[in-house]
C-alpha atoms as a PDB file:
ATOM      1  CA  UNK A   1     -13.540  -2.489   2.052  1.00  0.00           C
ATOM      2  CA  UNK A   2     -12.551  -5.633   3.933  1.00  0.00           C
ATOM      3  CA  UNK A   3      -8.890  -6.594   4.054  1.00  0.00           C
ATOM      4  CA  UNK A   4      -7.526  -9.914   5.263  1.00  0.00           C
ATOM      5  CA  UNK A   5      -3.872 -10.193   6.247  1.00  0.00           C
ATOM      6  CA  UNK A   6      -2.105 -13.535   6.652  1.00  0.00           C
ATOM      7  CA  UNK A   7       1.005 -13.247   8.799  1.00  0.00           C
ATOM      8  CA  UNK A   8       3.160 -15.037  11.353  1.00  0.00           C
ATOM      9  CA  UNK A   9       3.377 -11.826  13.384  1.00  0.00           C
ATOM     10  CA  UNK A  10      -0.093 -10.287  13.911  1.00  0.00           C
ATOM     11  CA  UNK A  11       1.247  -8.034  16.661  1.00  0.00           C
ATOM     12  CA  UNK A  12       3.184  -6.011  14.085  1.00  0.00           C
ATOM     13  CA  UNK A  13      -0.076  -4.496  12.840  1.00  0.00           C
ATOM     14  CA  UNK A  14      -1.404  -3.307  16.196  1.00  0.00           C
ATOM     15  CA  UNK A  15       0.135   0.170  16.028  1.00  0.00           C
ATOM     16  CA  UNK A  16      -0.160   1.311  12.381  1.00  0.00           C
ATOM     17  CA  UNK A  17      -3.851   0.441  12.036  1.00  0.00           C
ATOM     18  CA  UNK A  18      -4.915   1.824  15.413  1.00  0.00           C
ATOM     19  CA  UNK A  19      -4.046   5.490  15.168  1.00  0.00           C
ATOM     20  CA  UNK A  20      -4.799   8.636  13.160  1.00  0.00           C
ATOM     21  CA  UNK A  21      -6.914   8.574  10.042  1.00  0.00           C
ATOM     22  CA  UNK A  22      -6.727   4.805   9.736  1.00  0.00           C
ATOM     23  CA  UNK A  23      -8.324   4.345  13.155  1.00  0.00           C
ATOM     24  CA  UNK A  24     -11.076   6.786  12.194  1.00  0.00           C
ATOM     25  CA  UNK A  25     -11.655   4.860   8.975  1.00  0.00           C
ATOM     26  CA  UNK A  26     -12.056   1.567  10.841  1.00  0.00           C
ATOM     27  CA  UNK A  27     -14.309   3.165  13.459  1.00  0.00           C
ATOM     28  CA  UNK A  28     -16.571   4.619  10.780  1.00  0.00           C
ATOM     29  CA  UNK A  29     -16.717   1.403   8.755  1.00  0.00           C
ATOM     30  CA  UNK A  30     -14.787   2.676   5.729  1.00  0.00           C
ATOM     31  CA  UNK A  31     -12.445  -0.283   6.090  1.00  0.00           C
ATOM     32  CA  UNK A  32     -12.276  -3.455   8.143  1.00  0.00           C
ATOM     33  CA  UNK A  33      -8.964  -5.225   8.695  1.00  0.00           C
ATOM     34  CA  UNK A  34      -8.975  -8.894   9.653  1.00  0.00           C
ATOM     35  CA  UNK A  35      -5.519 -10.115  10.709  1.00  0.00           C
ATOM     36  CA  UNK A  36      -5.028 -13.881  10.837  1.00  0.00           C
ATOM     37  CA  UNK A  37      -2.112 -15.884  12.136  1.00  0.00           C
ATOM     38  CA  UNK A  38      -0.907 -18.457   9.621  1.00  0.00           C
ATOM     39  CA  UNK A  39       0.014 -20.736  12.542  1.00  0.00           C
ATOM     40  CA  UNK A  40      -3.703 -21.137  13.290  1.00  0.00           C
ATOM     41  CA  UNK A  41      -4.014 -23.141  10.081  1.00  0.00           C
ATOM     42  CA  UNK A  42      -1.407 -25.740  10.986  1.00  0.00           C
ATOM     43  CA  UNK A  43      -2.222 -29.203  12.339  1.00  0.00           C
ATOM     44  CA  UNK A  44       0.661 -30.305  14.508  1.00  0.00           C
ATOM     45  CA  UNK A  45       1.540 -29.518  18.107  1.00  0.00           C
ATOM     46  CA  UNK A  46       4.444 -27.275  17.123  1.00  0.00           C
ATOM     47  CA  UNK A  47       2.353 -25.213  14.650  1.00  0.00           C
ATOM     48  CA  UNK A  48       5.073 -25.641  12.032  1.00  0.00           C
ATOM     49  CA  UNK A  49       4.864 -23.191   9.145  1.00  0.00           C
ATOM     50  CA  UNK A  50       8.294 -23.624   7.528  1.00  0.00           C
ATOM     51  CA  UNK A  51      10.763 -26.291   6.483  1.00  0.00           C
ATOM     52  CA  UNK A  52      14.192 -26.573   4.865  1.00  0.00           C
ATOM     53  CA  UNK A  53      14.340 -26.025   1.092  1.00  0.00           C
ATOM     54  CA  UNK A  54      14.545 -28.944  -1.317  1.00  0.00           C
ATOM     55  CA  UNK A  55      17.903 -28.917  -3.061  1.00  0.00           C
ATOM     56  CA  UNK A  56      19.648 -27.406  -0.051  1.00  0.00           C
ATOM     57  CA  UNK A  57      20.523 -23.829   0.691  1.00  0.00           C
ATOM     58  CA  UNK A  58      20.368 -21.347   3.537  1.00  0.00           C
ATOM     59  CA  UNK A  59      17.242 -20.407   5.445  1.00  0.00           C
ATOM     60  CA  UNK A  60      13.780 -21.890   5.714  1.00  0.00           C
ATOM     61  CA  UNK A  61      10.845 -21.839   3.301  1.00  0.00           C
ATOM     62  CA  UNK A  62       7.225 -21.295   4.324  1.00  0.00           C
ATOM     63  CA  UNK A  63       5.104 -24.391   3.752  1.00  0.00           C
ATOM     64  CA  UNK A  64       2.167 -24.283   1.322  1.00  0.00           C
ATOM     65  CA  UNK A  65      -0.445 -26.176   3.373  1.00  0.00           C
ATOM     66  CA  UNK A  66      -1.338 -23.570   6.037  1.00  0.00           C
ATOM     67  CA  UNK A  67      -1.325 -20.729   3.519  1.00  0.00           C
ATOM     68  CA  UNK A  68      -3.656 -22.544   1.126  1.00  0.00           C
ATOM     69  CA  UNK A  69      -5.964 -23.491   4.004  1.00  0.00           C
ATOM     70  CA  UNK A  70      -6.030 -19.938   5.333  1.00  0.00           C
ATOM     71  CA  UNK A  71      -6.912 -18.415   1.958  1.00  0.00           C
ATOM     72  CA  UNK A  72      -9.526 -21.072   1.232  1.00  0.00           C
ATOM     73  CA  UNK A  73     -11.099 -20.540   4.656  1.00  0.00           C
ATOM     74  CA  UNK A  74     -11.343 -16.808   4.058  1.00  0.00           C
ATOM     75  CA  UNK A  75     -12.788 -17.242   0.579  1.00  0.00           C
ATOM     76  CA  UNK A  76     -15.478 -19.501   2.020  1.00  0.00           C
ATOM     77  CA  UNK A  77     -16.585 -16.563   4.184  1.00  0.00           C
ATOM     78  CA  UNK A  78     -16.904 -14.223   1.187  1.00  0.00           C
ATOM     79  CA  UNK A  79     -19.858 -14.168  -1.241  1.00  0.00           C
ATOM     80  CA  UNK A  80     -18.903 -16.535  -4.096  1.00  0.00           C
ATOM     81  CA  UNK A  81     -19.454 -13.986  -6.859  1.00  0.00           C
ATOM     82  CA  UNK A  82     -16.928 -11.532  -5.393  1.00  0.00           C
ATOM     83  CA  UNK A  83     -13.573 -11.180  -7.130  1.00  0.00           C
ATOM     84  CA  UNK A  84     -10.899 -11.371  -4.445  1.00  0.00           C
ATOM     85  CA  UNK A  85      -7.260 -10.567  -5.256  1.00  0.00           C
ATOM     86  CA  UNK A  86      -4.769 -12.679  -3.324  1.00  0.00           C
ATOM     87  CA  UNK A  87      -1.673 -10.515  -3.047  1.00  0.00           C
ATOM     88  CA  UNK A  88       1.798 -11.716  -2.130  1.00  0.00           C
ATOM     89  CA  UNK A  89       4.223  -9.084  -0.840  1.00  0.00           C
ATOM     90  CA  UNK A  90       7.545  -9.908  -2.492  1.00  0.00           C
ATOM     91  CA  UNK A  91      10.583  -8.085  -3.919  1.00  0.00           C
ATOM     92  CA  UNK A  92       9.892 -10.018  -7.133  1.00  0.00           C
ATOM     93  CA  UNK A  93       6.476  -8.385  -7.636  1.00  0.00           C
ATOM     94  CA  UNK A  94       5.430  -5.388  -9.690  1.00  0.00           C
ATOM     95  CA  UNK A  95       6.527  -2.172  -8.008  1.00  0.00           C
ATOM     96  CA  UNK A  96       3.811  -0.302  -6.136  1.00  0.00           C
ATOM     97  CA  UNK A  97       2.634   2.932  -7.757  1.00  0.00           C
ATOM     98  CA  UNK A  98      -0.257   5.330  -7.330  1.00  0.00           C
ATOM     99  CA  UNK A  99      -1.889   3.646 -10.331  1.00  0.00           C
ATOM    100  CA  UNK A 100      -1.597   0.280  -8.578  1.00  0.00           C
ATOM    101  CA  UNK A 101      -3.212   1.704  -5.454  1.00  0.00           C
ATOM    102  CA  UNK A 102      -6.084   3.161  -7.487  1.00  0.00           C
ATOM    103  CA  UNK A 103      -6.585  -0.187  -9.206  1.00  0.00           C
ATOM    104  CA  UNK A 104      -6.746  -2.088  -5.911  1.00  0.00           C
ATOM    105  CA  UNK A 105      -9.073   0.462  -4.330  1.00  0.00           C
ATOM    106  CA  UNK A 106     -11.827  -0.765  -6.662  1.00  0.00           C
ATOM    107  CA  UNK A 107     -12.038  -4.145  -4.887  1.00  0.00           C
ATOM    108  CA  UNK A 108     -14.213  -4.668  -1.832  1.00  0.00           C
ATOM    109  CA  UNK A 109     -12.250  -7.696  -0.546  1.00  0.00           C
ATOM    110  CA  UNK A 110      -8.496  -8.302  -0.605  1.00  0.00           C
ATOM    111  CA  UNK A 111      -6.205 -10.924   0.890  1.00  0.00           C
ATOM    112  CA  UNK A 112      -2.550 -10.125   1.637  1.00  0.00           C
ATOM    113  CA  UNK A 113       0.049 -12.834   2.286  1.00  0.00           C
ATOM    114  CA  UNK A 114       3.121 -11.760   4.251  1.00  0.00           C
ATOM    115  CA  UNK A 115       6.114 -13.977   3.616  1.00  0.00           C
ATOM    116  CA  UNK A 116       8.989 -14.601   6.006  1.00  0.00           C
ATOM    117  CA  UNK A 117      12.354 -16.348   6.137  1.00  0.00           C
ATOM    118  CA  UNK A 118      13.823 -17.396   2.783  1.00  0.00           C
ATOM    119  CA  UNK A 119      10.481 -17.152   1.017  1.00  0.00           C
ATOM    120  CA  UNK A 120       7.297 -19.083   0.279  1.00  0.00           C
ATOM    121  CA  UNK A 121       6.857 -22.425  -1.455  1.00  0.00           C
ATOM    122  CA  UNK A 122       6.564 -21.689  -5.172  1.00  0.00           C
ATOM    123  CA  UNK A 123       3.238 -23.529  -5.399  1.00  0.00           C
ATOM    124  CA  UNK A 124       1.637 -20.729  -3.384  1.00  0.00           C
ATOM    125  CA  UNK A 125       2.840 -18.221  -5.940  1.00  0.00           C
ATOM    126  CA  UNK A 126       1.878 -20.375  -8.905  1.00  0.00           C
ATOM    127  CA  UNK A 127      -1.531 -21.733  -7.912  1.00  0.00           C
ATOM    128  CA  UNK A 128      -2.943 -19.447  -5.199  1.00  0.00           C
ATOM    129  CA  UNK A 129      -1.626 -15.900  -5.577  1.00  0.00           C
ATOM    130  CA  UNK A 130      -3.243 -13.618  -8.159  1.00  0.00           C
ATOM    131  CA  UNK A 131      -0.923 -10.608  -7.796  1.00  0.00           C
ATOM    132  CA  UNK A 132       2.584  -9.907  -6.505  1.00  0.00           C
ATOM    133  CA  UNK A 133       3.582  -6.469  -5.261  1.00  0.00           C
ATOM    134  CA  UNK A 134       6.912  -4.984  -4.224  1.00  0.00           C
ATOM    135  CA  UNK A 135       7.343  -1.617  -2.526  1.00  0.00           C
ATOM    136  CA  UNK A 136      10.814  -1.091  -3.957  1.00  0.00           C
ATOM    137  CA  UNK A 137      14.022  -2.646  -5.174  1.00  0.00           C
ATOM    138  CA  UNK A 138      15.267  -3.783  -1.795  1.00  0.00           C
ATOM    139  CA  UNK A 139      14.632  -6.692   0.578  1.00  0.00           C
ATOM    140  CA  UNK A 140      12.818  -6.602   3.928  1.00  0.00           C
ATOM    141  CA  UNK A 141      12.906  -9.291   6.606  1.00  0.00           C
ATOM    142  CA  UNK A 142       9.232 -10.034   5.945  1.00  0.00           C
ATOM    143  CA  UNK A 143       6.144  -8.905   4.068  1.00  0.00           C
ATOM    144  CA  UNK A 144       4.448  -7.199   7.016  1.00  0.00           C
ATOM    145  CA  UNK A 145       5.950  -3.736   6.541  1.00  0.00           C
ATOM    146  CA  UNK A 146       5.270  -3.904   2.803  1.00  0.00           C
ATOM    147  CA  UNK A 147       1.653  -4.880   3.490  1.00  0.00           C
ATOM    148  CA  UNK A 148       1.229  -1.834   5.738  1.00  0.00           C
ATOM    149  CA  UNK A 149       2.516   0.446   2.995  1.00  0.00           C
ATOM    150  CA  UNK A 150       0.345  -1.055   0.258  1.00  0.00           C
ATOM    151  CA  UNK A 151      -2.778  -1.077   2.419  1.00  0.00           C
ATOM    152  CA  UNK A 152      -2.289   2.529   3.477  1.00  0.00           C
ATOM    153  CA  UNK A 153      -1.881   3.744  -0.107  1.00  0.00           C
ATOM    154  CA  UNK A 154      -5.038   1.891  -1.111  1.00  0.00           C
ATOM    155  CA  UNK A 155      -7.302   2.724   1.823  1.00  0.00           C
ATOM    156  CA  UNK A 156      -6.590   6.458   1.768  1.00  0.00           C
ATOM    157  CA  UNK A 157      -8.173   6.538  -1.705  1.00  0.00           C
ATOM    158  CA  UNK A 158     -11.491   5.256  -0.381  1.00  0.00           C
ATOM    159  CA  UNK A 159     -14.397   7.712  -0.039  1.00  0.00           C
ATOM    160  CA  UNK A 160     -14.610   8.867   3.565  1.00  0.00           C
ATOM    161  CA  UNK A 161     -10.973   8.249   4.515  1.00  0.00           C
ATOM    162  CA  UNK A 162      -9.726  11.818   4.016  1.00  0.00           C
ATOM    163  CA  UNK A 163     -11.601  14.811   5.340  1.00  0.00           C
ATOM    164  CA  UNK A 164     -11.698  16.361   1.878  1.00  0.00           C
ATOM    165  CA  UNK A 165     -11.683  14.300  -1.347  1.00  0.00           C
ATOM    166  CA  UNK A 166     -10.069  17.302  -3.048  1.00  0.00           C
ATOM    167  CA  UNK A 167      -6.879  16.496  -1.135  1.00  0.00           C
ATOM    168  CA  UNK A 168      -6.269  13.598  -3.503  1.00  0.00           C
ATOM    169  CA  UNK A 169      -6.400  15.658  -6.674  1.00  0.00           C
ATOM    170  CA  UNK A 170      -3.113  17.530  -6.309  1.00  0.00           C
ATOM    171  CA  UNK A 171      -0.962  14.976  -4.517  1.00  0.00           C
ATOM    172  CA  UNK A 172       2.375  13.775  -5.805  1.00  0.00           C
ATOM    173  CA  UNK A 173       2.033  11.053  -8.466  1.00  0.00           C
ATOM    174  CA  UNK A 174      -1.715  11.560  -8.930  1.00  0.00           C
ATOM    175  CA  UNK A 175      -1.204  13.151 -12.353  1.00  0.00           C
ATOM    176  CA  UNK A 176       2.316  11.878 -12.926  1.00  0.00           C
ATOM    177  CA  UNK A 177       4.022  14.863 -11.289  1.00  0.00           C
ATOM    178  CA  UNK A 178       5.321  15.728  -7.843  1.00  0.00           C
ATOM    179  CA  UNK A 179       3.188  18.046  -5.759  1.00  0.00           C
ATOM    180  CA  UNK A 180       3.862  21.786  -5.706  1.00  0.00           C
ATOM    181  CA  UNK A 181       5.326  23.502  -2.570  1.00  0.00           C
ATOM    182  CA  UNK A 182       2.892  24.160   0.287  1.00  0.00           C
ATOM    183  CA  UNK A 183       2.904  27.082   2.751  1.00  0.00           C
ATOM    184  CA  UNK A 184       0.837  28.240   5.712  1.00  0.00           C
ATOM    185  CA  UNK A 185       0.922  31.022   8.311  1.00  0.00           C
ATOM    186  CA  UNK A 186       2.927  33.029   9.183  1.00  0.00           C
ATOM    187  CA  UNK A 187       3.552  34.820   5.861  1.00  0.00           C
ATOM    188  CA  UNK A 188       7.104  35.548   7.029  1.00  0.00           C
ATOM    189  CA  UNK A 189       9.092  33.169   9.205  1.00  0.00           C
ATOM    190  CA  UNK A 190      12.522  34.498  10.181  1.00  0.00           C
ATOM    191  CA  UNK A 191      13.711  35.880   6.841  1.00  0.00           C
ATOM    192  CA  UNK A 192      11.777  33.415   4.676  1.00  0.00           C
ATOM    193  CA  UNK A 193       8.631  34.722   3.026  1.00  0.00           C
ATOM    194  CA  UNK A 194       5.725  32.927   1.412  1.00  0.00           C
ATOM    195  CA  UNK A 195       5.668  33.520  -2.370  1.00  0.00           C
ATOM    196  CA  UNK A 196       3.651  36.643  -3.029  1.00  0.00           C
ATOM    197  CA  UNK A 197       1.435  34.963  -5.622  1.00  0.00           C
ATOM    198  CA  UNK A 198      -0.091  32.747  -2.913  1.00  0.00           C
ATOM    199  CA  UNK A 199      -1.220  35.830  -1.004  1.00  0.00           C
ATOM    200  CA  UNK A 200      -2.750  37.534  -4.043  1.00  0.00           C
ATOM    201  CA  UNK A 201      -6.177  35.870  -3.976  1.00  0.00           C
ATOM    202  CA  UNK A 202      -5.964  35.366  -7.761  1.00  0.00           C
ATOM    203  CA  UNK A 203      -6.905  31.684  -7.991  1.00  0.00           C
ATOM    204  CA  UNK A 204      -6.200  31.376 -11.720  1.00  0.00           C
ATOM    205  CA  UNK A 205      -2.652  32.663 -11.304  1.00  0.00           C
ATOM    206  CA  UNK A 206      -2.161  30.530  -8.204  1.00  0.00           C
ATOM    207  CA  UNK A 207      -3.239  27.425 -10.142  1.00  0.00           C
ATOM    208  CA  UNK A 208      -0.812  28.283 -12.937  1.00  0.00           C
ATOM    209  CA  UNK A 209       2.017  28.863 -10.441  1.00  0.00           C
ATOM    210  CA  UNK A 210       1.348  25.557  -8.762  1.00  0.00           C
ATOM    211  CA  UNK A 211       1.373  23.707 -12.070  1.00  0.00           C
ATOM    212  CA  UNK A 212       4.662  25.334 -13.035  1.00  0.00           C
ATOM    213  CA  UNK A 213       6.178  24.475  -9.646  1.00  0.00           C
ATOM    214  CA  UNK A 214       5.069  20.850  -9.983  1.00  0.00           C
ATOM    215  CA  UNK A 215       6.815  20.597 -13.342  1.00  0.00           C
ATOM    216  CA  UNK A 216       9.985  22.280 -12.063  1.00  0.00           C
ATOM    217  CA  UNK A 217      10.092  20.089  -8.967  1.00  0.00           C
ATOM    218  CA  UNK A 218       9.535  16.924 -10.991  1.00  0.00           C
ATOM    219  CA  UNK A 219      12.228  17.835 -13.535  1.00  0.00           C
ATOM    220  CA  UNK A 220      14.657  18.558 -10.700  1.00  0.00           C
ATOM    221  CA  UNK A 221      13.941  15.664  -8.363  1.00  0.00           C
ATOM    222  CA  UNK A 222      12.429  12.960 -10.567  1.00  0.00           C
ATOM    223  CA  UNK A 223      13.297  13.611 -14.226  1.00  0.00           C
ATOM    224  CA  UNK A 224      12.347  10.003 -14.976  1.00  0.00           C
ATOM    225  CA  UNK A 225       8.716  10.935 -14.309  1.00  0.00           C
ATOM    226  CA  UNK A 226       8.554  13.739 -16.882  1.00  0.00           C
ATOM    227  CA  UNK A 227       7.957  11.321 -19.762  1.00  0.00           C
ATOM    228  CA  UNK A 228       4.885  10.019 -17.955  1.00  0.00           C
ATOM    229  CA  UNK A 229       3.692  13.325 -16.509  1.00  0.00           C
ATOM    230  CA  UNK A 230       0.671  15.144 -17.873  1.00  0.00           C
ATOM    231  CA  UNK A 231       2.353  18.451 -18.595  1.00  0.00           C
ATOM    232  CA  UNK A 232       0.035  21.352 -19.239  1.00  0.00           C
ATOM    233  CA  UNK A 233       1.095  24.054 -21.641  1.00  0.00           C
END
Protein backbone atom coordinates (compact mmCIF):
# COMPACT_ATOMS: atom_id res chain seq x y z
CA UNK A 1 0.00 0.00 0.00
CA UNK A 2 1.20 3.52 -0.78
CA UNK A 3 -0.14 6.39 1.30
CA UNK A 4 0.28 10.06 0.50
CA UNK A 5 -0.23 12.65 3.23
CA UNK A 6 -0.70 16.35 2.49
CA UNK A 7 0.10 18.51 5.51
CA UNK A 8 1.54 21.83 6.61
CA UNK A 9 3.49 20.05 9.35
CA UNK A 10 5.38 17.03 7.96
CA UNK A 11 7.51 16.83 11.10
CA UNK A 12 4.49 15.66 13.10
CA UNK A 13 4.67 12.28 11.37
CA UNK A 14 8.33 11.54 12.06
CA UNK A 15 7.76 9.69 15.34
CA UNK A 16 4.57 7.62 14.87
CA UNK A 17 5.62 6.08 11.55
CA UNK A 18 9.21 5.35 12.57
CA UNK A 19 8.83 2.96 15.46
CA UNK A 20 7.43 -0.46 16.38
CA UNK A 21 5.36 -2.49 13.97
CA UNK A 22 4.82 0.43 11.63
CA UNK A 23 8.57 0.83 11.10
CA UNK A 24 8.86 -2.90 10.40
CA UNK A 25 6.02 -2.65 7.89
CA UNK A 26 7.73 0.18 6.01
CA UNK A 27 11.09 -1.61 6.09
CA UNK A 28 9.56 -4.77 4.66
CA UNK A 29 7.59 -2.94 1.97
CA UNK A 30 4.12 -3.66 3.37
CA UNK A 31 3.41 0.06 3.28
CA UNK A 32 5.08 3.17 1.93
CA UNK A 33 4.23 6.59 3.36
CA UNK A 34 4.94 9.68 1.27
CA UNK A 35 4.52 12.89 3.28
CA UNK A 36 4.27 16.11 1.28
CA UNK A 37 4.25 19.69 2.47
CA UNK A 38 1.34 21.66 1.03
CA UNK A 39 3.57 24.76 1.03
CA UNK A 40 5.66 23.15 -1.71
CA UNK A 41 2.73 23.62 -4.07
CA UNK A 42 2.43 27.36 -3.59
CA UNK A 43 3.82 29.94 -6.02
CA UNK A 44 4.66 33.05 -4.05
CA UNK A 45 7.68 33.95 -1.95
CA UNK A 46 5.77 33.61 1.31
CA UNK A 47 4.39 30.14 0.44
CA UNK A 48 0.91 31.29 1.44
CA UNK A 49 -1.55 28.48 2.07
CA UNK A 50 -4.38 30.32 3.85
CA UNK A 51 -6.42 33.50 3.66
CA UNK A 52 -9.25 35.23 5.53
CA UNK A 53 -12.76 33.83 4.97
CA UNK A 54 -15.20 35.53 2.62
CA UNK A 55 -18.10 36.94 4.60
CA UNK A 56 -15.92 37.62 7.63
CA UNK A 57 -15.39 35.57 10.74
CA UNK A 58 -12.59 34.37 12.97
CA UNK A 59 -9.58 32.38 11.81
CA UNK A 60 -8.08 31.62 8.44
CA UNK A 61 -9.17 29.22 5.70
CA UNK A 62 -6.81 27.02 3.69
CA UNK A 63 -6.67 28.03 0.04
CA UNK A 64 -7.78 25.58 -2.67
CA UNK A 65 -4.98 26.12 -5.22
CA UNK A 66 -2.05 24.35 -3.49
CA UNK A 67 -4.24 21.46 -2.35
CA UNK A 68 -5.64 20.85 -5.84
CA UNK A 69 -2.14 21.07 -7.34
CA UNK A 70 -0.72 18.66 -4.77
CA UNK A 71 -3.42 16.04 -5.35
CA UNK A 72 -3.21 16.39 -9.12
CA UNK A 73 0.58 16.04 -9.00
CA UNK A 74 0.30 12.85 -6.97
CA UNK A 75 -2.37 11.39 -9.23
CA UNK A 76 -0.12 11.99 -12.22
CA UNK A 77 2.45 9.70 -10.58
CA UNK A 78 -0.08 6.87 -10.12
CA UNK A 79 -1.18 4.46 -12.88
CA UNK A 80 -4.30 6.03 -14.46
CA UNK A 81 -6.51 2.98 -13.98
CA UNK A 82 -6.00 2.95 -10.20
CA UNK A 83 -8.88 4.11 -8.01
CA UNK A 84 -7.44 6.54 -5.47
CA UNK A 85 -9.55 7.78 -2.54
CA UNK A 86 -8.83 11.37 -1.57
CA UNK A 87 -9.66 11.55 2.13
CA UNK A 88 -10.20 14.72 4.12
CA UNK A 89 -9.82 14.44 7.90
CA UNK A 90 -12.66 16.52 9.34
CA UNK A 91 -15.05 16.46 12.31
CA UNK A 92 -17.84 16.65 9.72
CA UNK A 93 -16.91 13.30 8.15
CA UNK A 94 -18.26 9.81 8.75
CA UNK A 95 -16.97 8.43 12.04
CA UNK A 96 -14.11 5.96 11.76
CA UNK A 97 -14.99 2.34 12.53
CA UNK A 98 -13.37 -1.04 12.07
CA UNK A 99 -15.59 -1.52 9.02
CA UNK A 100 -14.25 1.73 7.56
CA UNK A 101 -10.68 0.58 8.13
CA UNK A 102 -11.38 -2.75 6.43
CA UNK A 103 -12.94 -0.94 3.48
CA UNK A 104 -9.93 1.35 3.04
CA UNK A 105 -7.45 -1.50 3.40
CA UNK A 106 -8.61 -2.79 0.00
CA UNK A 107 -7.06 0.19 -1.82
CA UNK A 108 -3.43 0.21 -2.91
CA UNK A 109 -3.15 4.02 -3.07
CA UNK A 110 -4.67 6.62 -0.75
CA UNK A 111 -4.30 10.38 -0.36
CA UNK A 112 -4.98 12.06 2.99
CA UNK A 113 -5.51 15.82 3.33
CA UNK A 114 -4.83 17.30 6.76
CA UNK A 115 -6.68 20.54 7.35
CA UNK A 116 -5.61 23.34 9.68
CA UNK A 117 -6.87 26.65 11.04
CA UNK A 118 -10.57 27.36 10.54
CA UNK A 119 -10.91 24.77 7.80
CA UNK A 120 -10.46 24.22 4.07
CA UNK A 121 -12.05 26.06 1.16
CA UNK A 122 -15.33 24.29 0.42
CA UNK A 123 -14.35 23.74 -3.22
CA UNK A 124 -11.74 21.23 -2.06
CA UNK A 125 -14.44 19.27 -0.28
CA UNK A 126 -16.90 19.55 -3.14
CA UNK A 127 -14.75 18.92 -6.20
CA UNK A 128 -11.59 17.11 -5.05
CA UNK A 129 -12.27 15.02 -1.94
CA UNK A 130 -13.92 11.62 -2.35
CA UNK A 131 -14.33 10.73 1.34
CA UNK A 132 -14.45 12.56 4.67
CA UNK A 133 -13.52 10.83 7.91
CA UNK A 134 -13.77 11.88 11.54
CA UNK A 135 -12.20 10.01 14.45
CA UNK A 136 -14.83 11.19 16.91
CA UNK A 137 -17.26 13.88 17.92
CA UNK A 138 -14.68 16.42 19.01
CA UNK A 139 -12.39 18.96 17.33
CA UNK A 140 -8.60 18.79 16.98
CA UNK A 141 -6.30 21.66 16.05
CA UNK A 142 -5.53 19.94 12.74
CA UNK A 143 -6.02 16.78 10.72
CA UNK A 144 -2.57 15.32 11.36
CA UNK A 145 -3.41 13.38 14.52
CA UNK A 146 -6.61 12.07 12.92
CA UNK A 147 -4.63 10.95 9.87
CA UNK A 148 -2.25 8.98 12.10
CA UNK A 149 -5.16 7.20 13.74
CA UNK A 150 -6.92 6.35 10.48
CA UNK A 151 -3.73 5.18 8.79
CA UNK A 152 -2.76 2.98 11.72
CA UNK A 153 -6.17 1.27 11.82
CA UNK A 154 -5.97 0.61 8.09
CA UNK A 155 -2.35 -0.51 7.77
CA UNK A 156 -2.49 -2.99 10.64
CA UNK A 157 -5.08 -4.93 8.62
CA UNK A 158 -2.65 -5.48 5.75
CA UNK A 159 -1.10 -8.94 5.30
CA UNK A 160 2.36 -8.94 6.85
CA UNK A 161 1.81 -6.12 9.34
CA UNK A 162 1.05 -8.29 12.38
CA UNK A 163 3.14 -11.30 13.28
CA UNK A 164 0.06 -13.52 13.27
CA UNK A 165 -3.02 -12.82 11.10
CA UNK A 166 -5.06 -14.69 13.72
CA UNK A 167 -4.57 -11.71 16.03
CA UNK A 168 -7.13 -9.79 14.00
CA UNK A 169 -9.90 -12.34 14.36
CA UNK A 170 -10.73 -11.79 18.03
CA UNK A 171 -10.03 -8.09 18.45
CA UNK A 172 -12.56 -5.62 19.75
CA UNK A 173 -15.02 -4.46 17.06
CA UNK A 174 -13.98 -7.13 14.55
CA UNK A 175 -17.25 -9.02 15.01
CA UNK A 176 -19.20 -6.18 16.60
CA UNK A 177 -18.20 -7.05 20.17
CA UNK A 178 -15.48 -6.00 22.58
CA UNK A 179 -12.62 -8.43 23.07
CA UNK A 180 -12.65 -10.91 25.95
CA UNK A 181 -10.24 -10.52 28.94
CA UNK A 182 -6.64 -11.62 28.36
CA UNK A 183 -4.23 -13.17 30.89
CA UNK A 184 -0.64 -14.42 30.92
CA UNK A 185 1.86 -15.79 33.45
CA UNK A 186 1.99 -15.94 36.41
CA UNK A 187 -1.23 -17.89 37.11
CA UNK A 188 -1.48 -16.09 40.45
CA UNK A 189 -0.35 -12.51 40.96
CA UNK A 190 -0.71 -11.30 44.56
CA UNK A 191 -4.18 -12.62 45.40
CA UNK A 192 -5.55 -12.43 41.85
CA UNK A 193 -5.80 -15.70 39.96
CA UNK A 194 -6.26 -16.44 36.28
CA UNK A 195 -9.69 -17.98 35.61
CA UNK A 196 -9.37 -21.73 35.95
CA UNK A 197 -10.99 -22.43 32.59
CA UNK A 198 -8.02 -20.84 30.80
CA UNK A 199 -5.67 -23.33 32.45
CA UNK A 200 -7.80 -26.37 31.61
CA UNK A 201 -6.50 -27.03 28.09
CA UNK A 202 -10.10 -27.58 26.91
CA UNK A 203 -10.13 -25.34 23.83
CA UNK A 204 -13.86 -25.75 23.14
CA UNK A 205 -14.77 -24.59 26.64
CA UNK A 206 -12.21 -21.80 26.47
CA UNK A 207 -13.73 -20.56 23.20
CA UNK A 208 -17.20 -20.62 24.75
CA UNK A 209 -15.96 -18.74 27.84
CA UNK A 210 -14.31 -16.11 25.70
CA UNK A 211 -17.47 -15.60 23.66
CA UNK A 212 -19.54 -15.24 26.82
CA UNK A 213 -17.04 -12.76 28.28
CA UNK A 214 -17.10 -10.69 25.08
CA UNK A 215 -20.88 -10.44 25.28
CA UNK A 216 -20.84 -9.56 28.99
CA UNK A 217 -18.13 -6.95 28.51
CA UNK A 218 -19.94 -5.39 25.55
CA UNK A 219 -23.28 -5.27 27.39
CA UNK A 220 -21.56 -3.64 30.37
CA UNK A 221 -19.27 -1.16 28.64
CA UNK A 222 -20.86 -0.56 25.24
CA UNK A 223 -24.53 -1.59 25.30
CA UNK A 224 -25.03 0.43 22.12
CA UNK A 225 -22.98 -2.18 20.26
CA UNK A 226 -25.15 -5.15 21.24
CA UNK A 227 -27.69 -4.43 18.49
CA UNK A 228 -24.91 -4.68 15.93
CA UNK A 229 -22.96 -7.51 17.55
CA UNK A 230 -22.97 -11.02 16.15
CA UNK A 231 -24.12 -12.81 19.28
CA UNK A 232 -23.68 -16.55 19.27
CA UNK A 233 -26.16 -18.70 21.11
